[in-house]
PDB file of N, CA and C in Angstrom:
ATOM      1  N   MET A   1      -1.262   2.677  19.624  1.00  0.00           N
ATOM      2  CA  MET A   1      -2.134   3.193  18.537  1.00  0.00           C
ATOM      3  C   MET A   1      -2.694   2.024  17.694  1.00  0.00           C
ATOM      4  N   ILE A   2      -1.897   0.965  17.425  1.00  0.00           N
ATOM      5  CA  ILE A   2      -2.381  -0.133  16.629  1.00  0.00           C
ATOM      6  C   ILE A   2      -3.501  -0.816  17.324  1.00  0.00           C
ATOM      7  N   SER A   3      -3.385  -1.102  18.614  1.00  0.00           N
ATOM      8  CA  SER A   3      -4.408  -1.902  19.346  1.00  0.00           C
ATOM      9  C   SER A   3      -5.717  -1.139  19.441  1.00  0.00           C
ATOM     10  N   SER A   4      -5.698   0.186  19.670  1.00  0.00           N
ATOM     11  CA  SER A   4      -6.904   0.954  19.727  1.00  0.00           C
ATOM     12  C   SER A   4      -7.575   1.011  18.345  1.00  0.00           C
ATOM     13  N   ALA A   5      -6.770   1.173  17.273  1.00  0.00           N
ATOM     14  CA  ALA A   5      -7.330   1.250  15.949  1.00  0.00           C
ATOM     15  C   ALA A   5      -7.928  -0.192  15.589  1.00  0.00           C
ATOM     16  N   ARG A   6      -7.204  -1.182  15.951  1.00  0.00           N
ATOM     17  CA  ARG A   6      -7.684  -2.575  15.620  1.00  0.00           C
ATOM     18  C   ARG A   6      -9.037  -2.831  16.383  1.00  0.00           C
ATOM     19  N   SER A   7      -9.113  -2.506  17.645  1.00  0.00           N
ATOM     20  CA  SER A   7     -10.364  -2.779  18.385  1.00  0.00           C
ATOM     21  C   SER A   7     -11.534  -2.001  17.868  1.00  0.00           C
ATOM     22  N   ARG A   8     -11.239  -0.698  17.492  1.00  0.00           N
ATOM     23  CA  ARG A   8     -12.270   0.178  16.879  1.00  0.00           C
ATOM     24  C   ARG A   8     -12.802  -0.418  15.597  1.00  0.00           C
ATOM     25  N   ILE A   9     -11.908  -0.815  14.763  1.00  0.00           N
ATOM     26  CA  ILE A   9     -12.255  -1.405  13.443  1.00  0.00           C
ATOM     27  C   ILE A   9     -13.063  -2.745  13.636  1.00  0.00           C
ATOM     28  N   MET A  10     -12.682  -3.572  14.511  1.00  0.00           N
ATOM     29  CA  MET A  10     -13.396  -4.777  14.776  1.00  0.00           C
ATOM     30  C   MET A  10     -14.763  -4.507  15.318  1.00  0.00           C
ATOM     31  N   GLN A  11     -14.886  -3.541  16.228  1.00  0.00           N
ATOM     32  CA  GLN A  11     -16.245  -3.191  16.689  1.00  0.00           C
ATOM     33  C   GLN A  11     -17.106  -2.682  15.573  1.00  0.00           C
ATOM     34  N   PHE A  12     -16.517  -1.869  14.710  1.00  0.00           N
ATOM     35  CA  PHE A  12     -17.276  -1.290  13.578  1.00  0.00           C
ATOM     36  C   PHE A  12     -17.691  -2.371  12.610  1.00  0.00           C
ATOM     37  N   LEU A  13     -16.851  -3.326  12.385  1.00  0.00           N
ATOM     38  CA  LEU A  13     -17.235  -4.489  11.450  1.00  0.00           C
ATOM     39  C   LEU A  13     -18.302  -5.297  12.065  1.00  0.00           C
ATOM     40  N   GLN A  14     -18.297  -5.532  13.387  1.00  0.00           N
ATOM     41  CA  GLN A  14     -19.302  -6.329  14.032  1.00  0.00           C
ATOM     42  C   GLN A  14     -20.679  -5.602  13.978  1.00  0.00           C
ATOM     43  N   ILE A  15     -20.678  -4.308  14.217  1.00  0.00           N
ATOM     44  CA  ILE A  15     -21.916  -3.468  14.106  1.00  0.00           C
ATOM     45  C   ILE A  15     -22.466  -3.561  12.711  1.00  0.00           C
ATOM     46  N   ALA A  16     -21.609  -3.536  11.689  1.00  0.00           N
ATOM     47  CA  ALA A  16     -22.023  -3.585  10.275  1.00  0.00           C
ATOM     48  C   ALA A  16     -22.324  -5.011   9.741  1.00  0.00           C
ATOM     49  N   HIS A  17     -22.171  -6.002  10.689  1.00  0.00           N
ATOM     50  CA  HIS A  17     -22.413  -7.376  10.350  1.00  0.00           C
ATOM     51  C   HIS A  17     -21.537  -7.889   9.240  1.00  0.00           C
ATOM     52  N   CYS A  18     -20.254  -7.466   9.210  1.00  0.00           N
ATOM     53  CA  CYS A  18     -19.312  -7.909   8.198  1.00  0.00           C
ATOM     54  C   CYS A  18     -18.690  -9.163   8.678  1.00  0.00           C
ATOM     55  N   GLN A  19     -18.479 -10.186   7.796  1.00  0.00           N
ATOM     56  CA  GLN A  19     -17.740 -11.363   8.196  1.00  0.00           C
ATOM     57  C   GLN A  19     -16.281 -11.046   8.070  1.00  0.00           C
ATOM     58  N   TYR A  20     -15.471 -11.477   9.038  1.00  0.00           N
ATOM     59  CA  TYR A  20     -14.031 -11.263   9.049  1.00  0.00           C
ATOM     60  C   TYR A  20     -13.330 -12.349   9.794  1.00  0.00           C
ATOM     61  N   ARG A  21     -12.054 -12.488   9.561  1.00  0.00           N
ATOM     62  CA  ARG A  21     -11.239 -13.403  10.212  1.00  0.00           C
ATOM     63  C   ARG A  21      -9.911 -12.709  10.596  1.00  0.00           C
ATOM     64  N   ILE A  22      -9.377 -13.067  11.729  1.00  0.00           N
ATOM     65  CA  ILE A  22      -8.070 -12.436  12.196  1.00  0.00           C
ATOM     66  C   ILE A  22      -6.966 -13.420  11.907  1.00  0.00           C
ATOM     67  N   ASP A  23      -5.915 -12.932  11.298  1.00  0.00           N
ATOM     68  CA  ASP A  23      -4.714 -13.707  11.056  1.00  0.00           C
ATOM     69  C   ASP A  23      -3.522 -12.840  11.396  1.00  0.00           C
ATOM     70  N   GLY A  24      -3.020 -12.945  12.573  1.00  0.00           N
ATOM     71  CA  GLY A  24      -1.825 -12.152  13.026  1.00  0.00           C
ATOM     72  C   GLY A  24      -2.160 -10.702  13.059  1.00  0.00           C
ATOM     73  N   ASN A  25      -1.418  -9.920  12.256  1.00  0.00           N
ATOM     74  CA  ASN A  25      -1.672  -8.481  12.191  1.00  0.00           C
ATOM     75  C   ASN A  25      -2.591  -8.060  11.090  1.00  0.00           C
ATOM     76  N   GLN A  26      -3.417  -9.063  10.572  1.00  0.00           N
ATOM     77  CA  GLN A  26      -4.288  -8.816   9.447  1.00  0.00           C
ATOM     78  C   GLN A  26      -5.723  -9.112   9.837  1.00  0.00           C
ATOM     79  N   ILE A  27      -6.689  -8.376   9.286  1.00  0.00           N
ATOM     80  CA  ILE A  27      -8.048  -8.704   9.317  1.00  0.00           C
ATOM     81  C   ILE A  27      -8.482  -9.039   7.870  1.00  0.00           C
ATOM     82  N   LEU A  28      -8.904 -10.293   7.695  1.00  0.00           N
ATOM     83  CA  LEU A  28      -9.289 -10.779   6.355  1.00  0.00           C
ATOM     84  C   LEU A  28     -10.803 -10.638   6.164  1.00  0.00           C
ATOM     85  N   LEU A  29     -11.156  -9.903   5.107  1.00  0.00           N
ATOM     86  CA  LEU A  29     -12.624  -9.801   4.797  1.00  0.00           C
ATOM     87  C   LEU A  29     -12.866 -10.452   3.484  1.00  0.00           C
ATOM     88  N   CYS A  30     -14.107 -10.585   3.013  1.00  0.00           N
ATOM     89  CA  CYS A  30     -14.369 -11.311   1.784  1.00  0.00           C
ATOM     90  C   CYS A  30     -13.810 -10.562   0.581  1.00  0.00           C
ATOM     91  N   ASN A  31     -13.621  -9.259   0.611  1.00  0.00           N
ATOM     92  CA  ASN A  31     -13.125  -8.508  -0.541  1.00  0.00           C
ATOM     93  C   ASN A  31     -11.960  -7.577  -0.189  1.00  0.00           C
ATOM     94  N   ALA A  32     -11.376  -7.724   0.985  1.00  0.00           N
ATOM     95  CA  ALA A  32     -10.240  -6.850   1.354  1.00  0.00           C
ATOM     96  C   ALA A  32      -9.402  -7.521   2.416  1.00  0.00           C
ATOM     97  N   THR A  33      -8.161  -7.043   2.584  1.00  0.00           N
ATOM     98  CA  THR A  33      -7.292  -7.478   3.675  1.00  0.00           C
ATOM     99  C   THR A  33      -6.798  -6.165   4.262  1.00  0.00           C
ATOM    100  N   LEU A  34      -6.974  -6.064   5.582  1.00  0.00           N
ATOM    101  CA  LEU A  34      -6.502  -4.944   6.389  1.00  0.00           C
ATOM    102  C   LEU A  34      -5.239  -5.378   7.068  1.00  0.00           C
ATOM    103  N   THR A  35      -4.140  -4.704   6.853  1.00  0.00           N
ATOM    104  CA  THR A  35      -2.861  -5.005   7.489  1.00  0.00           C
ATOM    105  C   THR A  35      -2.465  -3.953   8.422  1.00  0.00           C
ATOM    106  N   PHE A  36      -2.216  -4.220   9.695  1.00  0.00           N
ATOM    107  CA  PHE A  36      -1.764  -3.181  10.660  1.00  0.00           C
ATOM    108  C   PHE A  36      -0.255  -3.078  10.638  1.00  0.00           C
ATOM    109  N   GLU A  37       0.229  -1.949  10.207  1.00  0.00           N
ATOM    110  CA  GLU A  37       1.642  -1.621  10.148  1.00  0.00           C
ATOM    111  C   GLU A  37       1.979  -0.656  11.267  1.00  0.00           C
ATOM    112  N   ASP A  38       3.218  -0.303  11.485  1.00  0.00           N
ATOM    113  CA  ASP A  38       3.693   0.552  12.590  1.00  0.00           C
ATOM    114  C   ASP A  38       2.934   1.910  12.591  1.00  0.00           C
ATOM    115  N   GLN A  39       2.832   2.598  11.471  1.00  0.00           N
ATOM    116  CA  GLN A  39       2.233   3.918  11.474  1.00  0.00           C
ATOM    117  C   GLN A  39       1.009   4.037  10.663  1.00  0.00           C
ATOM    118  N   GLN A  40       0.513   2.984  10.028  1.00  0.00           N
ATOM    119  CA  GLN A  40      -0.601   3.066   9.106  1.00  0.00           C
ATOM    120  C   GLN A  40      -1.287   1.753   8.940  1.00  0.00           C
ATOM    121  N   LEU A  41      -2.473   1.837   8.463  1.00  0.00           N
ATOM    122  CA  LEU A  41      -3.305   0.671   8.059  1.00  0.00           C
ATOM    123  C   LEU A  41      -3.224   0.526   6.495  1.00  0.00           C
ATOM    124  N   SER A  42      -2.856  -0.658   6.091  1.00  0.00           N
ATOM    125  CA  SER A  42      -2.780  -0.972   4.623  1.00  0.00           C
ATOM    126  C   SER A  42      -4.026  -1.730   4.203  1.00  0.00           C
ATOM    127  N   ILE A  43      -4.698  -1.259   3.187  1.00  0.00           N
ATOM    128  CA  ILE A  43      -5.912  -1.835   2.706  1.00  0.00           C
ATOM    129  C   ILE A  43      -5.660  -2.396   1.287  1.00  0.00           C
ATOM    130  N   GLU A  44      -5.811  -3.723   1.215  1.00  0.00           N
ATOM    131  CA  GLU A  44      -5.568  -4.388  -0.161  1.00  0.00           C
ATOM    132  C   GLU A  44      -6.919  -4.928  -0.634  1.00  0.00           C
ATOM    133  N   ARG A  45      -7.240  -4.631  -1.867  1.00  0.00           N
ATOM    134  CA  ARG A  45      -8.494  -5.102  -2.445  1.00  0.00           C
ATOM    135  C   ARG A  45      -8.178  -5.577  -3.851  1.00  0.00           C
ATOM    136  N   PRO A  46      -8.802  -6.624  -4.294  1.00  0.00           N
ATOM    137  CA  PRO A  46      -8.565  -7.225  -5.663  1.00  0.00           C
ATOM    138  C   PRO A  46      -8.836  -6.100  -6.733  1.00  0.00           C
ATOM    139  N   GLY A  47      -7.859  -5.972  -7.616  1.00  0.00           N
ATOM    140  CA  GLY A  47      -8.006  -5.064  -8.703  1.00  0.00           C
ATOM    141  C   GLY A  47      -7.827  -3.588  -8.354  1.00  0.00           C
ATOM    142  N   LYS A  48      -7.449  -3.267  -7.175  1.00  0.00           N
ATOM    143  CA  LYS A  48      -7.244  -1.924  -6.747  1.00  0.00           C
ATOM    144  C   LYS A  48      -5.852  -1.681  -6.224  1.00  0.00           C
ATOM    145  N   PRO A  49      -5.303  -0.504  -6.313  1.00  0.00           N
ATOM    146  CA  PRO A  49      -4.008  -0.250  -5.694  1.00  0.00           C
ATOM    147  C   PRO A  49      -4.141  -0.302  -4.152  1.00  0.00           C
ATOM    148  N   VAL A  50      -3.013  -0.680  -3.540  1.00  0.00           N
ATOM    149  CA  VAL A  50      -2.983  -0.699  -2.032  1.00  0.00           C
ATOM    150  C   VAL A  50      -3.189   0.668  -1.521  1.00  0.00           C
ATOM    151  N   ARG A  51      -4.053   0.790  -0.598  1.00  0.00           N
ATOM    152  CA  ARG A  51      -4.319   2.133   0.063  1.00  0.00           C
ATOM    153  C   ARG A  51      -3.686   2.098   1.472  1.00  0.00           C
ATOM    154  N   LYS A  52      -3.054   3.177   1.827  1.00  0.00           N
ATOM    155  CA  LYS A  52      -2.448   3.266   3.120  1.00  0.00           C
ATOM    156  C   LYS A  52      -3.044   4.437   3.883  1.00  0.00           C
ATOM    157  N   MET A  53      -3.578   4.187   5.091  1.00  0.00           N
ATOM    158  CA  MET A  53      -4.277   5.270   5.881  1.00  0.00           C
ATOM    159  C   MET A  53      -3.479   5.374   7.213  1.00  0.00           C
ATOM    160  N   PRO A  54      -2.907   6.487   7.539  1.00  0.00           N
ATOM    161  CA  PRO A  54      -2.262   6.768   8.815  1.00  0.00           C
ATOM    162  C   PRO A  54      -3.329   6.564   9.919  1.00  0.00           C
ATOM    163  N   TYR A  55      -2.916   6.031  11.070  1.00  0.00           N
ATOM    164  CA  TYR A  55      -3.897   5.819  12.129  1.00  0.00           C
ATOM    165  C   TYR A  55      -4.567   7.090  12.660  1.00  0.00           C
ATOM    166  N   GLN A  56      -3.756   8.213  12.722  1.00  0.00           N
ATOM    167  CA  GLN A  56      -4.335   9.430  13.188  1.00  0.00           C
ATOM    168  C   GLN A  56      -5.360  10.018  12.323  1.00  0.00           C
ATOM    169  N   LYS A  57      -5.389   9.641  11.042  1.00  0.00           N
ATOM    170  CA  LYS A  57      -6.351  10.150  10.050  1.00  0.00           C
ATOM    171  C   LYS A  57      -7.350   9.084   9.681  1.00  0.00           C
ATOM    172  N   LEU A  58      -7.454   8.063  10.450  1.00  0.00           N
ATOM    173  CA  LEU A  58      -8.377   6.952  10.084  1.00  0.00           C
ATOM    174  C   LEU A  58      -9.844   7.365  10.249  1.00  0.00           C
ATOM    175  N   ASN A  59     -10.520   7.184   9.103  1.00  0.00           N
ATOM    176  CA  ASN A  59     -11.932   7.542   9.119  1.00  0.00           C
ATOM    177  C   ASN A  59     -12.715   6.203   8.953  1.00  0.00           C
ATOM    178  N   LEU A  60     -13.402   5.770  10.003  1.00  0.00           N
ATOM    179  CA  LEU A  60     -14.024   4.446  10.015  1.00  0.00           C
ATOM    180  C   LEU A  60     -15.125   4.362   9.034  1.00  0.00           C
ATOM    181  N   ASP A  61     -15.893   5.460   8.804  1.00  0.00           N
ATOM    182  CA  ASP A  61     -16.980   5.435   7.797  1.00  0.00           C
ATOM    183  C   ASP A  61     -16.432   5.148   6.405  1.00  0.00           C
ATOM    184  N   ARG A  62     -15.335   5.821   6.078  1.00  0.00           N
ATOM    185  CA  ARG A  62     -14.723   5.655   4.781  1.00  0.00           C
ATOM    186  C   ARG A  62     -14.152   4.209   4.665  1.00  0.00           C
ATOM    187  N   LEU A  63     -13.502   3.756   5.727  1.00  0.00           N
ATOM    188  CA  LEU A  63     -12.917   2.382   5.720  1.00  0.00           C
ATOM    189  C   LEU A  63     -14.035   1.346   5.502  1.00  0.00           C
ATOM    190  N   LEU A  64     -15.146   1.509   6.247  1.00  0.00           N
ATOM    191  CA  LEU A  64     -16.269   0.538   6.070  1.00  0.00           C
ATOM    192  C   LEU A  64     -16.803   0.569   4.623  1.00  0.00           C
ATOM    193  N   TYR A  65     -16.867   1.755   4.041  1.00  0.00           N
ATOM    194  CA  TYR A  65     -17.349   1.845   2.652  1.00  0.00           C
ATOM    195  C   TYR A  65     -16.357   1.125   1.726  1.00  0.00           C
ATOM    196  N   LEU A  66     -15.107   1.207   1.963  1.00  0.00           N
ATOM    197  CA  LEU A  66     -14.065   0.608   1.124  1.00  0.00           C
ATOM    198  C   LEU A  66     -14.124  -0.935   1.187  1.00  0.00           C
ATOM    199  N   VAL A  67     -14.299  -1.488   2.432  1.00  0.00           N
ATOM    200  CA  VAL A  67     -14.172  -2.886   2.556  1.00  0.00           C
ATOM    201  C   VAL A  67     -15.475  -3.685   2.692  1.00  0.00           C
ATOM    202  N   ALA A  68     -16.589  -3.042   2.954  1.00  0.00           N
ATOM    203  CA  ALA A  68     -17.812  -3.784   3.223  1.00  0.00           C
ATOM    204  C   ALA A  68     -18.883  -3.686   2.181  1.00  0.00           C
ATOM    205  N   MET A  69     -18.517  -3.296   0.994  1.00  0.00           N
ATOM    206  CA  MET A  69     -19.507  -3.098  -0.051  1.00  0.00           C
ATOM    207  C   MET A  69     -20.084  -4.427  -0.549  1.00  0.00           C
ATOM    208  N   GLN A  70     -19.402  -5.509  -0.388  1.00  0.00           N
ATOM    209  CA  GLN A  70     -19.921  -6.834  -0.832  1.00  0.00           C
ATOM    210  C   GLN A  70     -20.023  -7.782   0.355  1.00  0.00           C
ATOM    211  N   GLN A  71     -20.775  -7.468   1.317  1.00  0.00           N
ATOM    212  CA  GLN A  71     -20.875  -8.256   2.558  1.00  0.00           C
ATOM    213  C   GLN A  71     -21.485  -9.603   2.323  1.00  0.00           C
ATOM    214  N   ASP A  72     -22.213  -9.833   1.240  1.00  0.00           N
ATOM    215  CA  ASP A  72     -22.864 -11.078   1.016  1.00  0.00           C
ATOM    216  C   ASP A  72     -21.895 -12.199   0.617  1.00  0.00           C
ATOM    217  N   LYS A  73     -20.744 -11.907   0.238  1.00  0.00           N
ATOM    218  CA  LYS A  73     -19.771 -12.926  -0.178  1.00  0.00           C
ATOM    219  C   LYS A  73     -19.221 -13.677   1.114  1.00  0.00           C
ATOM    220  N   LYS A  74     -18.766 -14.909   0.894  1.00  0.00           N
ATOM    221  CA  LYS A  74     -18.181 -15.673   1.968  1.00  0.00           C
ATOM    222  C   LYS A  74     -16.715 -15.437   2.004  1.00  0.00           C
ATOM    223  N   LEU A  75     -16.142 -15.594   3.230  1.00  0.00           N
ATOM    224  CA  LEU A  75     -14.714 -15.520   3.390  1.00  0.00           C
ATOM    225  C   LEU A  75     -13.987 -16.643   2.683  1.00  0.00           C
ATOM    226  N   PRO A  76     -12.856 -16.398   2.092  1.00  0.00           N
ATOM    227  CA  PRO A  76     -12.128 -17.518   1.425  1.00  0.00           C
ATOM    228  C   PRO A  76     -11.596 -18.484   2.483  1.00  0.00           C
ATOM    229  N   ALA A  77     -11.583 -19.777   2.136  1.00  0.00           N
ATOM    230  CA  ALA A  77     -11.124 -20.797   3.027  1.00  0.00           C
ATOM    231  C   ALA A  77      -9.522 -20.666   3.229  1.00  0.00           C
ATOM    232  N   VAL A  78      -9.124 -21.124   4.379  1.00  0.00           N
ATOM    233  CA  VAL A  78      -7.664 -21.036   4.658  1.00  0.00           C
ATOM    234  C   VAL A  78      -7.026 -22.389   4.267  1.00  0.00           C
TER     235      VAL A  78
END
């Protein structure tokens, strides 16, 4: 389940021209971190509570709206 969700999310981010970086079980974006857990996707954004989305209820349109609103920012350096 995790690998199919991960590949779908990465395809969606590429189509939307979002900059991202992979770090283990995380996808780092300019304004969010997506963490793949056993049963759910955890979305962390600055100043917002952590949101958890079960994989079977994952809505990619909603996810893209949550994480890609500020695409013009650059990814933080590692």
